[in-house]
Amino acid sequence: MATDAQQACFEAGIKFGSLYHQFAGTPVSPRSTRSLETAIAESIENQPFCESVTVAIDDDAVAADIDHENGYTELSGHLLEVDMRIAYDGVTVSTRMEMEDGYPLMKLVEVVETDD
């Protein structure tokens, strides 16, 4: 049986998996970054135990990735930074996705158990 802390970490992993694989490949342009950030965050916040999601798309990196006349590129991990907070039965898990050594790494930042 999983502990509450383990279950909270599992829930965070599920949310990162759905976030990344649902939105990777989405067309994005400098004009659409803010609305896409909001759509991603609100979509993931619908999931159980999700307290908050903050998505930041790097405008400069989006512009640099556009290599054709259509004015957009595909969303990928190197364009994103994501912070997420998951709460499960007295445990709050803070997570982050950011580039590390050329890879969009998803990691636990903090696991806090509250006294009930």
PDB file of N, CA and C in Angstrom:
ATOM      1  N   MET A   1       0.838  -1.181   0.000  1.00  0.00           N
ATOM      2  CA  MET A   1       0.000   0.000   0.000  1.00  0.00           C
ATOM      3  C   MET A   1       0.884   1.245   0.000  1.00  0.00           C
ATOM      4  N   ALA A   2       0.562   2.186  -0.822  1.00  0.00           N
ATOM      5  CA  ALA A   2       1.330   3.428  -0.926  1.00  0.00           C
ATOM      6  C   ALA A   2       1.008   4.355   0.236  1.00  0.00           C
ATOM      7  N   THR A   3       2.024   5.083   0.676  1.00  0.00           N
ATOM      8  CA  THR A   3       1.792   6.114   1.683  1.00  0.00           C
ATOM      9  C   THR A   3       1.110   7.309   1.011  1.00  0.00           C
ATOM     10  N   ASP A   4       0.591   8.224   1.822  1.00  0.00           N
ATOM     11  CA  ASP A   4      -0.021   9.431   1.256  1.00  0.00           C
ATOM     12  C   ASP A   4       1.012  10.247   0.475  1.00  0.00           C
ATOM     13  N   ALA A   5       2.239  10.319   0.978  1.00  0.00           N
ATOM     14  CA  ALA A   5       3.291  11.060   0.275  1.00  0.00           C
ATOM     15  C   ALA A   5       3.601  10.405  -1.069  1.00  0.00           C
ATOM     16  N   GLN A   6       3.683   9.088  -1.097  1.00  0.00           N
ATOM     17  CA  GLN A   6       3.932   8.381  -2.357  1.00  0.00           C
ATOM     18  C   GLN A   6       2.785   8.589  -3.333  1.00  0.00           C
ATOM     19  N   GLN A   7       1.572   8.561  -2.837  1.00  0.00           N
ATOM     20  CA  GLN A   7       0.411   8.764  -3.708  1.00  0.00           C
ATOM     21  C   GLN A   7       0.385  10.185  -4.262  1.00  0.00           C
ATOM     22  N   ALA A   8       0.741  11.166  -3.430  1.00  0.00           N
ATOM     23  CA  ALA A   8       0.798  12.555  -3.894  1.00  0.00           C
ATOM     24  C   ALA A   8       1.847  12.714  -4.989  1.00  0.00           C
ATOM     25  N   CYS A   9       2.998  12.070  -4.820  1.00  0.00           N
ATOM     26  CA  CYS A   9       4.049  12.117  -5.850  1.00  0.00           C
ATOM     27  C   CYS A   9       3.589  11.422  -7.127  1.00  0.00           C
ATOM     28  N   PHE A  10       2.908  10.314  -6.996  1.00  0.00           N
ATOM     29  CA  PHE A  10       2.347   9.620  -8.157  1.00  0.00           C
ATOM     30  C   PHE A  10       1.367  10.522  -8.903  1.00  0.00           C
ATOM     31  N   GLU A  11       0.499  11.197  -8.162  1.00  0.00           N
ATOM     32  CA  GLU A  11      -0.465  12.110  -8.776  1.00  0.00           C
ATOM     33  C   GLU A  11       0.244  13.219  -9.553  1.00  0.00           C
ATOM     34  N   ALA A  12       1.332  13.731  -9.002  1.00  0.00           N
ATOM     35  CA  ALA A  12       2.108  14.755  -9.710  1.00  0.00           C
ATOM     36  C   ALA A  12       2.663  14.197 -11.013  1.00  0.00           C
ATOM     37  N   GLY A  13       3.164  12.980 -10.976  1.00  0.00           N
ATOM     38  CA  GLY A  13       3.683  12.352 -12.192  1.00  0.00           C
ATOM     39  C   GLY A  13       2.624  12.169 -13.261  1.00  0.00           C
ATOM     40  N   ILE A  14       1.434  11.780 -12.850  1.00  0.00           N
ATOM     41  CA  ILE A  14       0.320  11.620 -13.791  1.00  0.00           C
ATOM     42  C   ILE A  14       0.003  12.963 -14.457  1.00  0.00           C
ATOM     43  N   LYS A  15      -0.011  14.021 -13.668  1.00  0.00           N
ATOM     44  CA  LYS A  15      -0.336  15.338 -14.228  1.00  0.00           C
ATOM     45  C   LYS A  15       0.738  15.817 -15.195  1.00  0.00           C
ATOM     46  N   PHE A  16       2.010  15.602 -14.855  1.00  0.00           N
ATOM     47  CA  PHE A  16       3.079  15.979 -15.776  1.00  0.00           C
ATOM     48  C   PHE A  16       3.008  15.172 -17.069  1.00  0.00           C
ATOM     49  N   GLY A  17       2.726  13.887 -16.938  1.00  0.00           N
ATOM     50  CA  GLY A  17       2.618  13.057 -18.142  1.00  0.00           C
ATOM     51  C   GLY A  17       1.508  13.522 -19.058  1.00  0.00           C
ATOM     52  N   SER A  18       0.361  13.826 -18.493  1.00  0.00           N
ATOM     53  CA  SER A  18      -0.741  14.279 -19.337  1.00  0.00           C
ATOM     54  C   SER A  18      -0.461  15.663 -19.900  1.00  0.00           C
ATOM     55  N   LEU A  19       0.150  16.546 -19.111  1.00  0.00           N
ATOM     56  CA  LEU A  19       0.481  17.882 -19.599  1.00  0.00           C
ATOM     57  C   LEU A  19       1.429  17.791 -20.782  1.00  0.00           C
ATOM     58  N   TYR A  20       2.508  17.076 -20.605  1.00  0.00           N
ATOM     59  CA  TYR A  20       3.531  17.037 -21.649  1.00  0.00           C
ATOM     60  C   TYR A  20       3.012  16.354 -22.912  1.00  0.00           C
ATOM     61  N   HIS A  21       2.407  15.202 -22.753  1.00  0.00           N
ATOM     62  CA  HIS A  21       2.011  14.439 -23.936  1.00  0.00           C
ATOM     63  C   HIS A  21       0.728  14.940 -24.584  1.00  0.00           C
ATOM     64  N   GLN A  22      -0.076  15.658 -23.849  1.00  0.00           N
ATOM     65  CA  GLN A  22      -1.270  16.247 -24.446  1.00  0.00           C
ATOM     66  C   GLN A  22      -0.925  17.475 -25.274  1.00  0.00           C
ATOM     67  N   PHE A  23       0.048  18.272 -24.826  1.00  0.00           N
ATOM     68  CA  PHE A  23       0.296  19.556 -25.467  1.00  0.00           C
ATOM     69  C   PHE A  23       1.548  19.606 -26.337  1.00  0.00           C
ATOM     70  N   ALA A  24       2.459  18.652 -26.225  1.00  0.00           N
ATOM     71  CA  ALA A  24       3.636  18.639 -27.105  1.00  0.00           C
ATOM     72  C   ALA A  24       3.155  18.555 -28.545  1.00  0.00           C
ATOM     73  N   GLY A  25       3.706  19.398 -29.385  1.00  0.00           N
ATOM     74  CA  GLY A  25       3.320  19.433 -30.789  1.00  0.00           C
ATOM     75  C   GLY A  25       2.256  20.462 -31.120  1.00  0.00           C
ATOM     76  N   THR A  26       1.678  21.096 -30.095  1.00  0.00           N
ATOM     77  CA  THR A  26       0.670  22.123 -30.333  1.00  0.00           C
ATOM     78  C   THR A  26       1.315  23.310 -31.059  1.00  0.00           C
ATOM     79  N   PRO A  27       0.697  23.816 -32.118  1.00  0.00           N
ATOM     80  CA  PRO A  27       1.241  25.005 -32.767  1.00  0.00           C
ATOM     81  C   PRO A  27       1.240  26.193 -31.801  1.00  0.00           C
ATOM     82  N   VAL A  28       2.364  26.919 -31.756  1.00  0.00           N
ATOM     83  CA  VAL A  28       2.486  28.084 -30.878  1.00  0.00           C
ATOM     84  C   VAL A  28       3.277  29.172 -31.608  1.00  0.00           C
ATOM     85  N   SER A  29       2.843  30.391 -31.419  1.00  0.00           N
ATOM     86  CA  SER A  29       3.531  31.556 -31.983  1.00  0.00           C
ATOM     87  C   SER A  29       3.698  32.582 -30.868  1.00  0.00           C
ATOM     88  N   PRO A  30       4.532  33.585 -31.084  1.00  0.00           N
ATOM     89  CA  PRO A  30       4.654  34.615 -30.055  1.00  0.00           C
ATOM     90  C   PRO A  30       3.305  35.255 -29.707  1.00  0.00           C
ATOM     91  N   ARG A  31       2.394  35.279 -30.626  1.00  0.00           N
ATOM     92  CA  ARG A  31       1.080  35.878 -30.400  1.00  0.00           C
ATOM     93  C   ARG A  31       0.169  34.982 -29.539  1.00  0.00           C
ATOM     94  N   SER A  32       0.447  33.691 -29.500  1.00  0.00           N
ATOM     95  CA  SER A  32      -0.471  32.776 -28.801  1.00  0.00           C
ATOM     96  C   SER A  32       0.084  32.197 -27.501  1.00  0.00           C
ATOM     97  N   THR A  33       1.270  32.619 -27.084  1.00  0.00           N
ATOM     98  CA  THR A  33       1.867  31.984 -25.894  1.00  0.00           C
ATOM     99  C   THR A  33       1.038  32.163 -24.638  1.00  0.00           C
ATOM    100  N   ARG A  34       0.535  33.368 -24.370  1.00  0.00           N
ATOM    101  CA  ARG A  34      -0.224  33.596 -23.126  1.00  0.00           C
ATOM    102  C   ARG A  34      -1.496  32.753 -23.095  1.00  0.00           C
ATOM    103  N   SER A  35      -2.229  32.705 -24.204  1.00  0.00           N
ATOM    104  CA  SER A  35      -3.475  31.933 -24.195  1.00  0.00           C
ATOM    105  C   SER A  35      -3.189  30.442 -24.067  1.00  0.00           C
ATOM    106  N   LEU A  36      -2.078  29.977 -24.651  1.00  0.00           N
ATOM    107  CA  LEU A  36      -1.730  28.565 -24.520  1.00  0.00           C
ATOM    108  C   LEU A  36      -1.298  28.239 -23.096  1.00  0.00           C
ATOM    109  N   GLU A  37      -0.551  29.141 -22.464  1.00  0.00           N
ATOM    110  CA  GLU A  37      -0.191  28.946 -21.057  1.00  0.00           C
ATOM    111  C   GLU A  37      -1.443  28.753 -20.203  1.00  0.00           C
ATOM    112  N   THR A  38      -2.419  29.617 -20.409  1.00  0.00           N
ATOM    113  CA  THR A  38      -3.666  29.553 -19.642  1.00  0.00           C
ATOM    114  C   THR A  38      -4.415  28.260 -19.925  1.00  0.00           C
ATOM    115  N   ALA A  39      -4.507  27.879 -21.190  1.00  0.00           N
ATOM    116  CA  ALA A  39      -5.226  26.649 -21.556  1.00  0.00           C
ATOM    117  C   ALA A  39      -4.570  25.417 -20.931  1.00  0.00           C
ATOM    118  N   ILE A  40      -3.253  25.356 -20.962  1.00  0.00           N
ATOM    119  CA  ILE A  40      -2.547  24.212 -20.377  1.00  0.00           C
ATOM    120  C   ILE A  40      -2.800  24.162 -18.876  1.00  0.00           C
ATOM    121  N   ALA A  41      -2.595  25.285 -18.193  1.00  0.00           N
ATOM    122  CA  ALA A  41      -2.775  25.316 -16.734  1.00  0.00           C
ATOM    123  C   ALA A  41      -4.193  24.950 -16.334  1.00  0.00           C
ATOM    124  N   GLU A  42      -5.169  25.537 -16.993  1.00  0.00           N
ATOM    125  CA  GLU A  42      -6.564  25.261 -16.627  1.00  0.00           C
ATOM    126  C   GLU A  42      -6.945  23.815 -16.934  1.00  0.00           C
ATOM    127  N   SER A  43      -6.403  23.257 -17.984  1.00  0.00           N
ATOM    128  CA  SER A  43      -6.689  21.862 -18.309  1.00  0.00           C
ATOM    129  C   SER A  43      -6.175  20.923 -17.222  1.00  0.00           C
ATOM    130  N   ILE A  44      -4.940  21.119 -16.805  1.00  0.00           N
ATOM    131  CA  ILE A  44      -4.346  20.238 -15.794  1.00  0.00           C
ATOM    132  C   ILE A  44      -4.985  20.467 -14.434  1.00  0.00           C
ATOM    133  N   GLU A  45      -5.361  21.713 -14.120  1.00  0.00           N
ATOM    134  CA  GLU A  45      -6.007  22.005 -12.835  1.00  0.00           C
ATOM    135  C   GLU A  45      -7.350  21.301 -12.684  1.00  0.00           C
ATOM    136  N   ASN A  46      -7.948  20.851 -13.780  1.00  0.00           N
ATOM    137  CA  ASN A  46      -9.197  20.092 -13.700  1.00  0.00           C
ATOM    138  C   ASN A  46      -9.013  18.721 -13.064  1.00  0.00           C
ATOM    139  N   GLN A  47      -7.813  18.215 -13.042  1.00  0.00           N
ATOM    140  CA  GLN A  47      -7.567  16.863 -12.554  1.00  0.00           C
ATOM    141  C   GLN A  47      -7.621  16.807 -11.030  1.00  0.00           C
ATOM    142  N   PRO A  48      -7.971  15.644 -10.505  1.00  0.00           N
ATOM    143  CA  PRO A  48      -8.076  15.499  -9.045  1.00  0.00           C
ATOM    144  C   PRO A  48      -6.770  15.833  -8.324  1.00  0.00           C
ATOM    145  N   PHE A  49      -6.890  16.446  -7.172  1.00  0.00           N
ATOM    146  CA  PHE A  49      -5.807  16.751  -6.236  1.00  0.00           C
ATOM    147  C   PHE A  49      -4.882  17.874  -6.712  1.00  0.00           C
ATOM    148  N   CYS A  50      -5.150  18.467  -7.840  1.00  0.00           N
ATOM    149  CA  CYS A  50      -4.295  19.522  -8.367  1.00  0.00           C
ATOM    150  C   CYS A  50      -4.717  20.863  -7.768  1.00  0.00           C
ATOM    151  N   GLU A  51      -3.823  21.472  -6.990  1.00  0.00           N
ATOM    152  CA  GLU A  51      -4.115  22.766  -6.368  1.00  0.00           C
ATOM    153  C   GLU A  51      -3.781  23.926  -7.285  1.00  0.00           C
ATOM    154  N   SER A  52      -2.647  23.852  -7.973  1.00  0.00           N
ATOM    155  CA  SER A  52      -2.276  24.953  -8.858  1.00  0.00           C
ATOM    156  C   SER A  52      -1.275  24.491  -9.906  1.00  0.00           C
ATOM    157  N   VAL A  53      -1.324  25.171 -11.042  1.00  0.00           N
ATOM    158  CA  VAL A  53      -0.387  24.932 -12.140  1.00  0.00           C
ATOM    159  C   VAL A  53      -0.013  26.304 -12.702  1.00  0.00           C
ATOM    160  N   THR A  54       1.270  26.529 -12.857  1.00  0.00           N
ATOM    161  CA  THR A  54       1.761  27.744 -13.504  1.00  0.00           C
ATOM    162  C   THR A  54       2.600  27.317 -14.696  1.00  0.00           C
ATOM    163  N   VAL A  55       2.250  27.827 -15.876  1.00  0.00           N
ATOM    164  CA  VAL A  55       2.952  27.489 -17.105  1.00  0.00           C
ATOM    165  C   VAL A  55       3.558  28.765 -17.675  1.00  0.00           C
ATOM    166  N   ALA A  56       4.826  28.708 -18.019  1.00  0.00           N
ATOM    167  CA  ALA A  56       5.496  29.826 -18.677  1.00  0.00           C
ATOM    168  C   ALA A  56       6.118  29.321 -19.973  1.00  0.00           C
ATOM    169  N   ILE A  57       5.723  29.937 -21.079  1.00  0.00           N
ATOM    170  CA  ILE A  57       6.298  29.622 -22.382  1.00  0.00           C
ATOM    171  C   ILE A  57       7.281  30.739 -22.730  1.00  0.00           C
ATOM    172  N   ASP A  58       8.482  30.368 -23.096  1.00  0.00           N
ATOM    173  CA  ASP A  58       9.551  31.319 -23.388  1.00  0.00           C
ATOM    174  C   ASP A  58       9.326  31.957 -24.757  1.00  0.00           C
ATOM    175  N   ASP A  59       8.897  33.218 -24.755  1.00  0.00           N
ATOM    176  CA  ASP A  59       8.590  33.933 -26.001  1.00  0.00           C
ATOM    177  C   ASP A  59       9.792  34.005 -26.943  1.00  0.00           C
ATOM    178  N   ASP A  60      10.969  34.281 -26.390  1.00  0.00           N
ATOM    179  CA  ASP A  60      12.164  34.396 -27.232  1.00  0.00           C
ATOM    180  C   ASP A  60      12.510  33.056 -27.875  1.00  0.00           C
ATOM    181  N   ALA A  61      12.378  31.979 -27.120  1.00  0.00           N
ATOM    182  CA  ALA A  61      12.665  30.659 -27.671  1.00  0.00           C
ATOM    183  C   ALA A  61      11.642  30.272 -28.735  1.00  0.00           C
ATOM    184  N   VAL A  62      10.380  30.640 -28.538  1.00  0.00           N
ATOM    185  CA  VAL A  62       9.352  30.384 -29.554  1.00  0.00           C
ATOM    186  C   VAL A  62       9.720  31.104 -30.842  1.00  0.00           C
ATOM    187  N   ALA A  63      10.036  32.378 -30.737  1.00  0.00           N
ATOM    188  CA  ALA A  63      10.396  33.164 -31.924  1.00  0.00           C
ATOM    189  C   ALA A  63      11.622  32.579 -32.613  1.00  0.00           C
ATOM    190  N   ALA A  64      12.598  32.141 -31.838  1.00  0.00           N
ATOM    191  CA  ALA A  64      13.820  31.573 -32.414  1.00  0.00           C
ATOM    192  C   ALA A  64      13.566  30.240 -33.114  1.00  0.00           C
ATOM    193  N   ASP A  65      12.567  29.499 -32.668  1.00  0.00           N
ATOM    194  CA  ASP A  65      12.258  28.189 -33.263  1.00  0.00           C
ATOM    195  C   ASP A  65      11.468  28.275 -34.560  1.00  0.00           C
ATOM    196  N   ILE A  66      10.898  29.418 -34.863  1.00  0.00           N
ATOM    197  CA  ILE A  66      10.083  29.555 -36.078  1.00  0.00           C
ATOM    198  C   ILE A  66      11.023  29.591 -37.281  1.00  0.00           C
ATOM    199  N   ASP A  67      10.927  28.549 -38.119  1.00  0.00           N
ATOM    200  CA  ASP A  67      11.850  28.451 -39.250  1.00  0.00           C
ATOM    201  C   ASP A  67      11.127  28.361 -40.594  1.00  0.00           C
ATOM    202  N   HIS A  68       9.894  28.818 -40.645  1.00  0.00           N
ATOM    203  CA  HIS A  68       9.152  28.834 -41.907  1.00  0.00           C
ATOM    204  C   HIS A  68       8.224  30.036 -41.931  1.00  0.00           C
ATOM    205  N   GLU A  69       7.657  30.299 -43.065  1.00  0.00           N
ATOM    206  CA  GLU A  69       6.854  31.508 -43.265  1.00  0.00           C
ATOM    207  C   GLU A  69       5.487  31.475 -42.590  1.00  0.00           C
ATOM    208  N   ASN A  70       5.085  30.365 -42.010  1.00  0.00           N
ATOM    209  CA  ASN A  70       3.757  30.279 -41.407  1.00  0.00           C
ATOM    210  C   ASN A  70       3.674  30.942 -40.032  1.00  0.00           C
ATOM    211  N   GLY A  71       4.799  31.285 -39.431  1.00  0.00           N
ATOM    212  CA  GLY A  71       4.795  32.085 -38.213  1.00  0.00           C
ATOM    213  C   GLY A  71       4.539  31.338 -36.919  1.00  0.00           C
ATOM    214  N   TYR A  72       4.732  30.033 -36.890  1.00  0.00           N
ATOM    215  CA  TYR A  72       4.556  29.296 -35.642  1.00  0.00           C
ATOM    216  C   TYR A  72       5.569  28.157 -35.579  1.00  0.00           C
ATOM    217  N   THR A  73       5.700  27.590 -34.400  1.00  0.00           N
ATOM    218  CA  THR A  73       6.503  26.396 -34.196  1.00  0.00           C
ATOM    219  C   THR A  73       5.671  25.418 -33.375  1.00  0.00           C
ATOM    220  N   GLU A  74       6.232  24.262 -33.092  1.00  0.00           N
ATOM    221  CA  GLU A  74       5.530  23.273 -32.263  1.00  0.00           C
ATOM    222  C   GLU A  74       6.009  23.377 -30.826  1.00  0.00           C
ATOM    223  N   LEU A  75       5.067  23.316 -29.904  1.00  0.00           N
ATOM    224  CA  LEU A  75       5.409  23.352 -28.489  1.00  0.00           C
ATOM    225  C   LEU A  75       6.226  22.118 -28.130  1.00  0.00           C
ATOM    226  N   SER A  76       7.319  22.336 -27.422  1.00  0.00           N
ATOM    227  CA  SER A  76       8.128  21.221 -26.919  1.00  0.00           C
ATOM    228  C   SER A  76       8.703  21.621 -25.565  1.00  0.00           C
ATOM    229  N   GLY A  77       9.299  20.672 -24.912  1.00  0.00           N
ATOM    230  CA  GLY A  77       9.757  20.874 -23.540  1.00  0.00           C
ATOM    231  C   GLY A  77      10.713  22.020 -23.341  1.00  0.00           C
ATOM    232  N   HIS A  78      11.564  22.290 -24.323  1.00  0.00           N
ATOM    233  CA  HIS A  78      12.548  23.359 -24.134  1.00  0.00           C
ATOM    234  C   HIS A  78      11.913  24.750 -24.142  1.00  0.00           C
ATOM    235  N   LEU A  79      10.645  24.839 -24.506  1.00  0.00           N
ATOM    236  CA  LEU A  79       9.939  26.118 -24.515  1.00  0.00           C
ATOM    237  C   LEU A  79       9.176  26.384 -23.218  1.00  0.00           C
ATOM    238  N   LEU A  80       9.105  25.391 -22.340  1.00  0.00           N
ATOM    239  CA  LEU A  80       8.227  25.441 -21.170  1.00  0.00           C
ATOM    240  C   LEU A  80       8.960  25.447 -19.842  1.00  0.00           C
ATOM    241  N   GLU A  81       8.390  26.147 -18.881  1.00  0.00           N
ATOM    242  CA  GLU A  81       8.679  25.941 -17.468  1.00  0.00           C
ATOM    243  C   GLU A  81       7.324  25.792 -16.792  1.00  0.00           C
ATOM    244  N   VAL A  82       7.205  24.785 -15.952  1.00  0.00           N
ATOM    245  CA  VAL A  82       5.929  24.481 -15.301  1.00  0.00           C
ATOM    246  C   VAL A  82       6.166  24.258 -13.821  1.00  0.00           C
ATOM    247  N   ASP A  83       5.336  24.882 -12.994  1.00  0.00           N
ATOM    248  CA  ASP A  83       5.300  24.612 -11.557  1.00  0.00           C
ATOM    249  C   ASP A  83       3.918  24.065 -11.237  1.00  0.00           C
ATOM    250  N   MET A  84       3.894  23.034 -10.403  1.00  0.00           N
ATOM    251  CA  MET A  84       2.618  22.407 -10.058  1.00  0.00           C
ATOM    252  C   MET A  84       2.605  22.088  -8.571  1.00  0.00           C
ATOM    253  N   ARG A  85       1.433  22.234  -7.967  1.00  0.00           N
ATOM    254  CA  ARG A  85       1.264  21.862  -6.558  1.00  0.00           C
ATOM    255  C   ARG A  85       0.095  20.890  -6.468  1.00  0.00           C
ATOM    256  N   ILE A  86       0.361  19.747  -5.859  1.00  0.00           N
ATOM    257  CA  ILE A  86      -0.615  18.675  -5.699  1.00  0.00           C
ATOM    258  C   ILE A  86      -0.846  18.473  -4.204  1.00  0.00           C
ATOM    259  N   ALA A  87      -2.106  18.345  -3.813  1.00  0.00           N
ATOM    260  CA  ALA A  87      -2.437  18.082  -2.405  1.00  0.00           C
ATOM    261  C   ALA A  87      -3.225  16.787  -2.333  1.00  0.00           C
ATOM    262  N   TYR A  88      -2.746  15.860  -1.497  1.00  0.00           N
ATOM    263  CA  TYR A  88      -3.401  14.566  -1.346  1.00  0.00           C
ATOM    264  C   TYR A  88      -3.370  14.168   0.123  1.00  0.00           C
ATOM    265  N   ASP A  89      -4.525  14.103   0.748  1.00  0.00           N
ATOM    266  CA  ASP A  89      -4.680  13.613   2.125  1.00  0.00           C
ATOM    267  C   ASP A  89      -3.594  14.099   3.086  1.00  0.00           C
ATOM    268  N   GLY A  90      -3.444  15.407   3.191  1.00  0.00           N
ATOM    269  CA  GLY A  90      -2.506  15.958   4.158  1.00  0.00           C
ATOM    270  C   GLY A  90      -1.077  16.076   3.664  1.00  0.00           C
ATOM    271  N   VAL A  91      -0.834  15.800   2.405  1.00  0.00           N
ATOM    272  CA  VAL A  91       0.501  15.936   1.828  1.00  0.00           C
ATOM    273  C   VAL A  91       0.417  16.902   0.653  1.00  0.00           C
ATOM    274  N   THR A  92       1.316  17.872   0.636  1.00  0.00           N
ATOM    275  CA  THR A  92       1.403  18.793  -0.496  1.00  0.00           C
ATOM    276  C   THR A  92       2.742  18.583  -1.186  1.00  0.00           C
ATOM    277  N   VAL A  93       2.661  18.373  -2.495  1.00  0.00           N
ATOM    278  CA  VAL A  93       3.840  18.117  -3.307  1.00  0.00           C
ATOM    279  C   VAL A  93       4.021  19.301  -4.261  1.00  0.00           C
ATOM    280  N   SER A  94       5.198  19.897  -4.240  1.00  0.00           N
ATOM    281  CA  SER A  94       5.544  20.951  -5.198  1.00  0.00           C
ATOM    282  C   SER A  94       6.486  20.356  -6.226  1.00  0.00           C
ATOM    283  N   THR A  95       6.209  20.630  -7.497  1.00  0.00           N
ATOM    284  CA  THR A  95       6.992  20.054  -8.588  1.00  0.00           C
ATOM    285  C   THR A  95       7.363  21.142  -9.584  1.00  0.00           C
ATOM    286  N   ARG A  96       8.330  20.820 -10.445  1.00  0.00           N
ATOM    287  CA  ARG A  96       8.768  21.780 -11.447  1.00  0.00           C
ATOM    288  C   ARG A  96       9.277  21.026 -12.673  1.00  0.00           C
ATOM    289  N   MET A  97       8.993  21.591 -13.841  1.00  0.00           N
ATOM    290  CA  MET A  97       9.596  21.106 -15.079  1.00  0.00           C
ATOM    291  C   MET A  97      10.393  22.261 -15.657  1.00  0.00           C
ATOM    292  N   GLU A  98      11.687  22.016 -15.895  1.00  0.00           N
ATOM    293  CA  GLU A  98      12.552  23.020 -16.487  1.00  0.00           C
ATOM    294  C   GLU A  98      13.685  22.307 -17.219  1.00  0.00           C
ATOM    295  N   MET A  99      14.342  23.033 -18.085  1.00  0.00           N
ATOM    296  CA  MET A  99      15.444  22.448 -18.829  1.00  0.00           C
ATOM    297  C   MET A  99      16.635  22.204 -17.913  1.00  0.00           C
ATOM    298  N   GLU A 100      17.197  21.017 -18.040  1.00  0.00           N
ATOM    299  CA  GLU A 100      18.406  20.674 -17.307  1.00  0.00           C
ATOM    300  C   GLU A 100      19.254  19.788 -18.207  1.00  0.00           C
ATOM    301  N   ASP A 101      20.433  20.274 -18.521  1.00  0.00           N
ATOM    302  CA  ASP A 101      21.342  19.560 -19.423  1.00  0.00           C
ATOM    303  C   ASP A 101      20.677  19.207 -20.754  1.00  0.00           C
ATOM    304  N   GLY A 102      19.900  20.149 -21.294  1.00  0.00           N
ATOM    305  CA  GLY A 102      19.275  19.957 -22.597  1.00  0.00           C
ATOM    306  C   GLY A 102      18.038  19.082 -22.603  1.00  0.00           C
ATOM    307  N   TYR A 103      17.502  18.787 -21.425  1.00  0.00           N
ATOM    308  CA  TYR A 103      16.341  17.900 -21.322  1.00  0.00           C
ATOM    309  C   TYR A 103      15.291  18.556 -20.431  1.00  0.00           C
ATOM    310  N   PRO A 104      14.000  18.478 -20.814  1.00  0.00           N
ATOM    311  CA  PRO A 104      12.952  19.037 -19.948  1.00  0.00           C
ATOM    312  C   PRO A 104      12.698  18.104 -18.763  1.00  0.00           C
ATOM    313  N   LEU A 105      13.374  18.368 -17.661  1.00  0.00           N
ATOM    314  CA  LEU A 105      13.329  17.497 -16.489  1.00  0.00           C
ATOM    315  C   LEU A 105      12.150  17.853 -15.598  1.00  0.00           C
ATOM    316  N   MET A 106      11.386  16.852 -15.209  1.00  0.00           N
ATOM    317  CA  MET A 106      10.257  17.006 -14.289  1.00  0.00           C
ATOM    318  C   MET A 106      10.722  16.468 -12.944  1.00  0.00           C
ATOM    319  N   LYS A 107      10.615  17.292 -11.900  1.00  0.00           N
ATOM    320  CA  LYS A 107      11.178  16.868 -10.620  1.00  0.00           C
ATOM    321  C   LYS A 107      10.344  17.326  -9.437  1.00  0.00           C
ATOM    322  N   LEU A 108      10.534  16.616  -8.333  1.00  0.00           N
ATOM    323  CA  LEU A 108       9.945  17.011  -7.061  1.00  0.00           C
ATOM    324  C   LEU A 108      10.790  18.126  -6.477  1.00  0.00           C
ATOM    325  N   VAL A 109      10.142  19.174  -6.011  1.00  0.00           N
ATOM    326  CA  VAL A 109      10.836  20.271  -5.365  1.00  0.00           C
ATOM    327  C   VAL A 109      10.708  20.138  -3.852  1.00  0.00           C
ATOM    328  N   GLU A 110       9.490  19.758  -3.411  1.00  0.00           N
ATOM    329  CA  GLU A 110       9.240  19.673  -1.977  1.00  0.00           C
ATOM    330  C   GLU A 110       8.050  18.759  -1.713  1.00  0.00           C
ATOM    331  N   VAL A 111       8.132  17.991  -0.641  1.00  0.00           N
ATOM    332  CA  VAL A 111       7.024  17.174  -0.166  1.00  0.00           C
ATOM    333  C   VAL A 111       6.795  17.562   1.289  1.00  0.00           C
ATOM    334  N   VAL A 112       5.598  18.075   1.590  1.00  0.00           N
ATOM    335  CA  VAL A 112       5.294  18.557   2.932  1.00  0.00           C
ATOM    336  C   VAL A 112       4.074  17.805   3.458  1.00  0.00           C
ATOM    337  N   GLU A 113       4.255  17.176   4.616  1.00  0.00           N
ATOM    338  CA  GLU A 113       3.141  16.522   5.284  1.00  0.00           C
ATOM    339  C   GLU A 113       2.643  17.439   6.386  1.00  0.00           C
ATOM    340  N   THR A 114       1.331  17.697   6.394  1.00  0.00           N
ATOM    341  CA  THR A 114       0.763  18.559   7.413  1.00  0.00           C
ATOM    342  C   THR A 114       0.241  17.717   8.561  1.00  0.00           C
ATOM    343  N   ASP A 115       0.273  18.294   9.733  1.00  0.00           N
ATOM    344  CA  ASP A 115      -0.258  17.611  10.909  1.00  0.00           C
ATOM    345  C   ASP A 115      -1.769  17.802  10.947  1.00  0.00           C
ATOM    346  N   ASP A 116      -2.484  16.728  11.006  1.00  0.00           N
ATOM    347  CA  ASP A 116      -3.958  16.808  11.074  1.00  0.00           C
ATOM    348  C   ASP A 116      -4.456  16.387  12.419  1.00  0.00           C
TER     349      ASP A 116
END
